[in-house]
C-alpha atoms as a PDB file:
ATOM      1  CA  MET A   1       0.019   0.032  -0.152  1.00  0.00           C
ATOM      2  CA  THR A   2       1.440   3.183  -0.733  1.00  0.00           C
ATOM      3  CA  ARG A   3       1.078   6.718   1.185  1.00  0.00           C
ATOM      4  CA  ALA A   4      -1.577   7.786  -1.548  1.00  0.00           C
ATOM      5  CA  GLU A   5      -3.810   4.683  -1.119  1.00  0.00           C
ATOM      6  CA  PHE A   6      -3.450   4.708   2.545  1.00  0.00           C
ATOM      7  CA  VAL A   7      -4.565   8.669   2.773  1.00  0.00           C
ATOM      8  CA  ALA A   8      -7.531   7.602   0.312  1.00  0.00           C
ATOM      9  CA  LYS A   9      -8.742   4.645   1.940  1.00  0.00           C
ATOM     10  CA  TRP A  10      -8.614   6.449   5.518  1.00  0.00           C
ATOM     11  CA  ASP A  11     -10.526   9.961   3.797  1.00  0.00           C
ATOM     12  CA  SER A  12     -13.243   8.108   2.587  1.00  0.00           C
ATOM     13  CA  ARG A  13     -13.435   6.213   5.103  1.00  0.00           C
ATOM     14  CA  ARG A  14     -13.806   9.305   7.716  1.00  0.00           C
ATOM     15  CA  THR A  15     -16.123  10.863   4.841  1.00  0.00           C
ATOM     16  CA  GLU A  16     -18.329   7.880   4.938  1.00  0.00           C
ATOM     17  CA  LEU A  17     -18.617   7.509   8.724  1.00  0.00           C
ATOM     18  CA  ALA A  18     -19.325  11.177   9.141  1.00  0.00           C
ATOM     19  CA  ARG A  19     -22.113  11.020   6.187  1.00  0.00           C
ATOM     20  CA  LEU A  20     -23.389   7.742   8.167  1.00  0.00           C
ATOM     21  CA  ARG A  21     -23.211   9.264  11.473  1.00  0.00           C
ATOM     22  CA  ALA A  22     -21.563   6.165  12.927  1.00  0.00           C
ATOM     23  CA  HIS A  23     -20.921   4.977  16.452  1.00  0.00           C
ATOM     24  CA  VAL A  24     -17.761   2.556  15.727  1.00  0.00           C
ATOM     25  CA  ASP A  25     -15.537   0.342  17.897  1.00  0.00           C
ATOM     26  CA  GLY A  26     -12.764   2.399  18.473  1.00  0.00           C
ATOM     27  CA  ALA A  27     -10.419  -0.350  18.706  1.00  0.00           C
ATOM     28  CA  LEU A  28     -10.957  -2.075  16.122  1.00  0.00           C
ATOM     29  CA  LEU A  29     -10.562   0.804  13.641  1.00  0.00           C
ATOM     30  CA  CYS A  30      -7.506   1.479  15.361  1.00  0.00           C
ATOM     31  CA  ALA A  31      -6.144  -1.916  14.572  1.00  0.00           C
ATOM     32  CA  GLU A  32      -7.183  -1.635  10.747  1.00  0.00           C
ATOM     33  CA  MET A  33      -5.825   1.983  10.610  1.00  0.00           C
ATOM     34  CA  LEU A  34      -2.431   0.523  12.281  1.00  0.00           C
ATOM     35  CA  GLU A  35      -2.076  -2.692   9.744  1.00  0.00           C
ATOM     36  CA  ASP A  36      -2.317  -0.102   6.692  1.00  0.00           C
ATOM     37  CA  PHE A  37       0.350   1.850   8.269  1.00  0.00           C
ATOM     38  CA  THR A  38       2.244  -0.787   9.065  1.00  0.00           C
ATOM     39  CA  LYS A  39       1.770  -1.889   5.255  1.00  0.00           C
ATOM     40  CA  VAL A  40       2.797   1.659   4.172  1.00  0.00           C
ATOM     41  CA  THR A  41       5.759   1.800   6.066  1.00  0.00           C
ATOM     42  CA  ARG A  42       7.490  -1.874   4.560  1.00  0.00           C
ATOM     43  CA  SER A  43       6.200  -0.139   1.289  1.00  0.00           C
ATOM     44  CA  ASP A  44       8.331   2.560   2.076  1.00  0.00           C
ATOM     45  CA  ASP A  45      11.646   0.728   3.445  1.00  0.00           C
ATOM     46  CA  ASP A  46      11.131  -1.870   0.365  1.00  0.00           C
ATOM     47  CA  GLU A  47      11.745   1.147  -2.266  1.00  0.00           C
ATOM     48  CA  ALA A  48      14.476   1.014  -4.249  1.00  0.00           C
ATOM     49  CA  LEU A  49      16.448   4.113  -4.491  1.00  0.00           C
ATOM     50  CA  ASN A  50      19.254   5.679  -7.111  1.00  0.00           C
ATOM     51  CA  LEU A  51      22.441   6.373  -5.871  1.00  0.00           C
ATOM     52  CA  THR A  52      22.288  10.228  -5.752  1.00  0.00           C
ATOM     53  CA  ASP A  53      18.546  10.135  -4.195  1.00  0.00           C
ATOM     54  CA  ALA A  54      19.848   7.565  -1.717  1.00  0.00           C
ATOM     55  CA  ALA A  55      22.323  10.042  -0.776  1.00  0.00           C
ATOM     56  CA  ARG A  56      20.086  12.956   0.106  1.00  0.00           C
ATOM     57  CA  GLU A  57      18.316  10.772   2.601  1.00  0.00           C
ATOM     58  CA  CYS A  58      20.939   9.214   4.348  1.00  0.00           C
ATOM     59  CA  GLY A  59      23.511  12.318   4.439  1.00  0.00           C
ATOM     60  CA  TYR A  60      26.531   9.754   2.988  1.00  0.00           C
ATOM     61  CA  SER A  61      27.965  11.107  -0.524  1.00  0.00           C
ATOM     62  CA  ALA A  62      26.393   9.103  -4.009  1.00  0.00           C
ATOM     63  CA  ASP A  63      30.033   8.057  -4.523  1.00  0.00           C
ATOM     64  CA  HIS A  64      30.413   6.705  -1.051  1.00  0.00           C
ATOM     65  CA  LEU A  65      26.932   4.681  -1.229  1.00  0.00           C
ATOM     66  CA  GLY A  66      28.223   3.380  -4.494  1.00  0.00           C
ATOM     67  CA  ARG A  67      31.329   2.169  -3.023  1.00  0.00           C
ATOM     68  CA  LEU A  68      29.672   0.648  -0.288  1.00  0.00           C
ATOM     69  CA  VAL A  69      27.560  -1.358  -3.184  1.00  0.00           C
ATOM     70  CA  ARG A  70      30.912  -2.405  -4.736  1.00  0.00           C
ATOM     71  CA  GLN A  71      31.816  -3.809  -1.902  1.00  0.00           C
ATOM     72  CA  GLY A  72      28.912  -5.442  -0.995  1.00  0.00           C
ATOM     73  CA  THR A  73      27.984  -3.650   2.086  1.00  0.00           C
ATOM     74  CA  ILE A  74      25.002  -3.009   0.697  1.00  0.00           C
ATOM     75  CA  PRO A  75      22.678  -4.692  -1.401  1.00  0.00           C
ATOM     76  CA  ASN A  76      22.165  -3.717  -5.011  1.00  0.00           C
ATOM     77  CA  VAL A  77      19.024  -3.984  -6.128  1.00  0.00           C
ATOM     78  CA  GLY A  78      19.567  -2.502  -9.413  1.00  0.00           C
ATOM     79  CA  ARG A  79      21.772  -3.290 -12.785  1.00  0.00           C
ATOM     80  CA  PRO A  80      25.904  -3.176 -12.031  1.00  0.00           C
ATOM     81  CA  ASN A  81      25.938   0.037 -13.872  1.00  0.00           C
ATOM     82  CA  ALA A  82      22.909   0.897 -12.534  1.00  0.00           C
ATOM     83  CA  PRO A  83      23.085   0.833  -9.168  1.00  0.00           C
ATOM     84  CA  ARG A  84      19.789   1.092  -6.416  1.00  0.00           C
ATOM     85  CA  VAL A  85      19.589   0.185  -2.913  1.00  0.00           C
ATOM     86  CA  ARG A  86      16.794  -0.287  -0.681  1.00  0.00           C
ATOM     87  CA  ARG A  87      15.529   2.624   1.472  1.00  0.00           C
ATOM     88  CA  SER A  88      16.006  -0.016   4.603  1.00  0.00           C
ATOM     89  CA  ASP A  89      19.397  -0.794   3.562  1.00  0.00           C
ATOM     90  CA  LEU A  90      20.968   2.467   3.875  1.00  0.00           C
ATOM     91  CA  PRO A  91      23.296   3.552   6.564  1.00  0.00           C
ATOM     92  CA  ARG A  92      22.784   6.711   8.585  1.00  0.00           C
ATOM     93  CA  LYS A  93      24.649   9.444   9.684  1.00  0.00           C
ATOM     94  CA  ALA A  94      23.869  10.715  13.040  1.00  0.00           C
ATOM     95  CA  THR A  95      23.468  14.304  11.778  1.00  0.00           C
ATOM     96  CA  VAL A  96      21.011  13.658   9.639  1.00  0.00           C
ATOM     97  CA  LEU A  97      18.690  11.830  12.061  1.00  0.00           C
ATOM     98  CA  ARG A  98      19.307  15.065  14.507  1.00  0.00           C
ATOM     99  CA  ARG A  99      17.650  16.963  11.815  1.00  0.00           C
ATOM    100  CA  SER A 100      14.712  15.256  12.061  1.00  0.00           C
ATOM    101  CA  VAL A 101      14.469  16.685  15.912  1.00  0.00           C
ATOM    102  CA  PRO A 102      13.450  20.141  16.188  1.00  0.00           C
ATOM    103  CA  ALA A 103      16.499  21.978  17.954  1.00  0.00           C
ATOM    104  CA  HIS A 104      14.279  23.277  20.829  1.00  0.00           C
ATOM    105  CA  GLN A 105      13.504  19.391  21.732  1.00  0.00           C
ATOM    106  CA  ILE A 106      17.708  18.243  21.506  1.00  0.00           C
ATOM    107  CA  PRO A 107      18.329  18.120  25.129  1.00  0.00           C
ATOM    108  CA  ARG A 108      21.084  20.405  26.493  1.00  0.00           C
ATOM    109  CA  ALA A 109      22.867  20.639  29.998  1.00  0.00           C
ATOM    110  CA  THR A 110      23.199  23.150  31.834  1.00  0.00           C
ATOM    111  CA  PRO A 111      26.148  24.624  33.207  1.00  0.00           C
ATOM    112  CA  VAL A 112      25.631  23.045  36.722  1.00  0.00           C
ATOM    113  CA  GLU A 113      25.552  19.865  35.283  1.00  0.00           C
ATOM    114  CA  ILE A 114      28.646  20.337  33.255  1.00  0.00           C
ATOM    115  CA  ALA A 115      30.717  21.479  36.171  1.00  0.00           C
ATOM    116  CA  ARG A 116      29.185  18.631  38.139  1.00  0.00           C
ATOM    117  CA  ALA A 117      30.053  15.973  35.107  1.00  0.00           C
ATOM    118  CA  VAL A 118      33.918  17.732  35.229  1.00  0.00           C
ATOM    119  CA  VAL A 119      34.031  17.421  38.910  1.00  0.00           C
ATOM    120  CA  THR A 120      32.186  13.790  39.095  1.00  0.00           C
ATOM    121  CA  SER A 121      34.824  12.433  36.297  1.00  0.00           C
ATOM    122  CA  GLY A 122      37.462  10.591  37.970  1.00  0.00           C
ATOM    123  CA  ARG A 123      34.811   8.947  40.827  1.00  0.00           C
ATOM    124  CA  GLY A 124      33.377   5.468  40.014  1.00  0.00           C
ATOM    125  CA  ASP A 125      29.560   6.608  40.934  1.00  0.00           C
ATOM    126  CA  PRO A 126      28.410  10.219  40.162  1.00  0.00           C
ATOM    127  CA  ARG A 127      26.337  10.583  42.931  1.00  0.00           C
END
């Protein structure tokens, strides 16, 4: 199931339930939606990307990814001269993962916490 199919199905379902003013079993509805969502994410993970798109997604260069494919570190799901890699096989750079979290949500140490860590860094137990 693609993302578009998922959205279309559940938008249609919402419209139909609203039109009928239906009362539904929330647990069953959630179970069906989660099952469909699992299909969507599985489909996304299996998508074969060219090296340029893969590089954009994972943060490594297309050249580096090509090298990993030639070494066999990442399986090539394309042709020998036109490699493709599955999204789920991509290596991830920590900096790319961090971009997905807004800066204001990244935990920061306070000056007191930093000082305490420096003072206690030589001890076995930081308490």
